[in-house]
């Protein structure tokens, strides 16, 4: 299992992004994935819908407490791929620093999605769920994909 980074304002606000895959076969264990050959050897199923969760500002530099509950709720309801975007490093410190990282984060997620699309994932099967500042990131990702993604939910 791979968990979210932890950070603090003393470590700076450099953007470090991880993509953690959760599936019904491993709902409590996030697997670090990259959109390359390593994803082919994971439990990622390109024929299923993919939900991408993006958290927001993390004042204390900790993993969002609600992530596990949301992942479990989604996987309890349907068989999908759930990818949690960990950008704790870039979302910690002063709020303006986190805001400055939004565009670069959206580009990173957009590139990740482009690689998924190249692996045969349907754009309409992608659902982005952004919370707080993560909702703004999700909107930018949708913009970068020309409105061709399946769904974006901002919370």
Protein backbone atom coordinates (compact mmCIF):
# COMPACT_ATOMS: atom_id res chain seq x y z
CA UNK A 1 0.00 0.00 0.00
CA UNK A 2 1.03 3.56 -0.63
CA UNK A 3 -0.34 6.35 1.53
CA UNK A 4 -0.58 10.09 1.09
CA UNK A 5 2.47 12.25 1.72
CA UNK A 6 2.62 14.39 4.82
CA UNK A 7 4.10 17.85 4.69
CA UNK A 8 4.53 20.99 6.72
CA UNK A 9 5.10 24.63 5.89
CA UNK A 10 8.81 24.29 6.72
CA UNK A 11 9.33 21.84 3.85
CA UNK A 12 8.09 24.31 1.30
CA UNK A 13 5.24 24.00 -1.13
CA UNK A 14 6.82 22.19 -4.07
CA UNK A 15 4.25 20.25 -6.03
CA UNK A 16 4.70 16.49 -5.68
CA UNK A 17 1.84 14.53 -7.20
CA UNK A 18 0.98 10.87 -6.61
CA UNK A 19 -1.87 8.91 -8.18
CA UNK A 20 -3.21 6.19 -5.88
CA UNK A 21 -5.45 3.48 -7.31
CA UNK A 22 -8.20 1.87 -5.25
CA UNK A 23 -10.39 -0.93 -6.62
CA UNK A 24 -13.02 -3.27 -5.24
CA UNK A 25 -10.29 -5.90 -4.86
CA UNK A 26 -8.22 -3.49 -2.70
CA UNK A 27 -10.53 -0.78 -1.29
CA UNK A 28 -8.28 0.00 1.68
CA UNK A 29 -4.92 -0.21 -0.04
CA UNK A 30 -3.92 2.50 -2.49
CA UNK A 31 -1.48 1.39 -5.16
CA UNK A 32 0.84 4.00 -6.59
CA UNK A 33 0.33 4.05 -10.34
CA UNK A 34 1.81 5.82 -13.29
CA UNK A 35 0.11 5.97 -16.66
CA UNK A 36 2.70 3.80 -18.33
CA UNK A 37 3.47 0.10 -18.38
CA UNK A 38 3.10 -0.12 -14.60
CA UNK A 39 -0.63 0.56 -14.88
CA UNK A 40 -0.97 -2.46 -17.16
CA UNK A 41 0.39 -4.63 -14.33
CA UNK A 42 -2.00 -3.16 -11.76
CA UNK A 43 -5.62 -3.93 -11.00
CA UNK A 44 -6.72 -0.94 -13.10
CA UNK A 45 -9.51 -2.02 -15.46
CA UNK A 46 -9.76 0.23 -18.52
CA UNK A 47 -13.28 -1.00 -19.29
CA UNK A 48 -14.64 0.37 -16.00
CA UNK A 49 -15.56 3.95 -15.12
CA UNK A 50 -12.71 5.85 -13.47
CA UNK A 51 -13.36 8.30 -10.65
CA UNK A 52 -10.56 10.75 -9.88
CA UNK A 53 -10.69 12.40 -6.45
CA UNK A 54 -8.83 15.69 -5.93
CA UNK A 55 -8.51 17.14 -2.43
CA UNK A 56 -8.06 20.82 -1.66
CA UNK A 57 -5.92 23.00 0.59
CA UNK A 58 -4.26 21.14 3.49
CA UNK A 59 -3.34 23.68 6.16
CA UNK A 60 -1.68 21.07 8.39
CA UNK A 61 -0.06 19.02 5.63
CA UNK A 62 -1.96 15.84 6.42
CA UNK A 63 -3.97 13.37 4.42
CA UNK A 64 -7.60 14.45 4.13
CA UNK A 65 -9.57 12.51 6.76
CA UNK A 66 -12.53 12.02 4.43
CA UNK A 67 -10.65 10.31 1.57
CA UNK A 68 -10.97 6.74 2.85
CA UNK A 69 -14.68 7.15 3.55
CA UNK A 70 -15.37 8.50 0.07
CA UNK A 71 -13.32 5.77 -1.60
CA UNK A 72 -15.17 3.08 0.37
CA UNK A 73 -18.57 4.63 -0.37
CA UNK A 74 -17.86 4.75 -4.11
CA UNK A 75 -16.52 1.19 -4.24
CA UNK A 76 -19.42 -0.09 -2.11
CA UNK A 77 -21.89 1.33 -4.61
CA UNK A 78 -20.26 0.36 -7.91
CA UNK A 79 -17.37 -1.46 -9.47
CA UNK A 80 -15.06 1.29 -10.72
CA UNK A 81 -11.46 2.44 -10.62
CA UNK A 82 -10.92 5.12 -7.99
CA UNK A 83 -7.82 7.26 -8.28
CA UNK A 84 -7.01 9.61 -5.42
CA UNK A 85 -4.71 12.46 -6.36
CA UNK A 86 -2.23 13.18 -3.58
CA UNK A 87 -0.87 16.70 -3.83
CA UNK A 88 -0.44 17.31 -0.10
CA UNK A 89 3.04 18.81 -0.63
CA UNK A 90 1.72 21.41 -3.05
CA UNK A 91 -1.41 22.15 -1.03
CA UNK A 92 0.31 22.84 2.30
CA UNK A 93 1.75 26.12 3.65
CA UNK A 94 0.02 29.41 2.96
CA UNK A 95 -3.19 29.27 0.93
CA UNK A 96 -1.78 31.53 -1.82
CA UNK A 97 1.04 29.01 -2.35
CA UNK A 98 -1.48 26.24 -2.87
CA UNK A 99 -3.43 28.41 -5.30
CA UNK A 100 -0.22 29.03 -7.28
CA UNK A 101 0.08 25.24 -7.77
CA UNK A 102 -3.44 24.76 -9.15
CA UNK A 103 -2.60 25.21 -12.84
CA UNK A 104 0.47 22.94 -12.70
CA UNK A 105 -1.54 20.31 -10.82
CA UNK A 106 -4.33 20.48 -13.39
CA UNK A 107 -1.76 20.02 -16.15
CA UNK A 108 -0.27 16.99 -14.35
CA UNK A 109 -3.69 15.39 -13.96
CA UNK A 110 -4.57 16.24 -17.56
CA UNK A 111 -1.38 14.55 -18.79
CA UNK A 112 -2.19 11.52 -16.64
CA UNK A 113 -5.69 11.36 -18.15
CA UNK A 114 -4.25 11.70 -21.66
CA UNK A 115 -2.09 8.65 -20.99
CA UNK A 116 -5.15 6.76 -19.73
CA UNK A 117 -6.99 7.69 -22.92
CA UNK A 118 -4.04 6.37 -24.95
CA UNK A 119 -4.39 3.07 -23.06
CA UNK A 120 -7.98 2.75 -24.24
CA UNK A 121 -9.92 4.41 -21.43
CA UNK A 122 -12.99 6.24 -22.72
CA UNK A 123 -13.07 9.95 -21.94
CA UNK A 124 -16.76 9.72 -21.14
CA UNK A 125 -16.01 7.12 -18.45
CA UNK A 126 -13.91 9.58 -16.44
CA UNK A 127 -15.56 11.32 -13.48
CA UNK A 128 -13.57 13.94 -11.62
CA UNK A 129 -14.59 14.69 -8.03
CA UNK A 130 -12.91 17.80 -6.68
CA UNK A 131 -13.28 19.05 -3.13
CA UNK A 132 -12.70 22.72 -2.25
CA UNK A 133 -9.63 23.94 -4.14
CA UNK A 134 -9.63 20.51 -5.81
CA UNK A 135 -12.95 21.46 -7.45
CA UNK A 136 -11.20 24.35 -9.21
CA UNK A 137 -8.47 21.95 -10.31
CA UNK A 138 -11.13 19.58 -11.69
CA UNK A 139 -12.70 22.40 -13.68
CA UNK A 140 -9.33 23.26 -15.22
CA UNK A 141 -8.71 19.62 -16.11
CA UNK A 142 -12.08 19.55 -17.84
CA UNK A 143 -11.18 22.73 -19.71
CA UNK A 144 -7.85 21.24 -20.82
CA UNK A 145 -9.77 18.27 -22.26
CA UNK A 146 -12.19 20.50 -24.16
CA UNK A 147 -15.23 19.42 -22.19
CA UNK A 148 -14.87 15.83 -23.42
CA UNK A 149 -14.66 14.12 -20.02
CA UNK A 150 -17.69 12.31 -18.69
CA UNK A 151 -18.45 14.26 -15.57
CA UNK A 152 -17.00 16.76 -13.09
CA UNK A 153 -18.38 17.16 -9.59
CA UNK A 154 -17.23 20.11 -7.50
CA UNK A 155 -17.82 19.88 -3.76
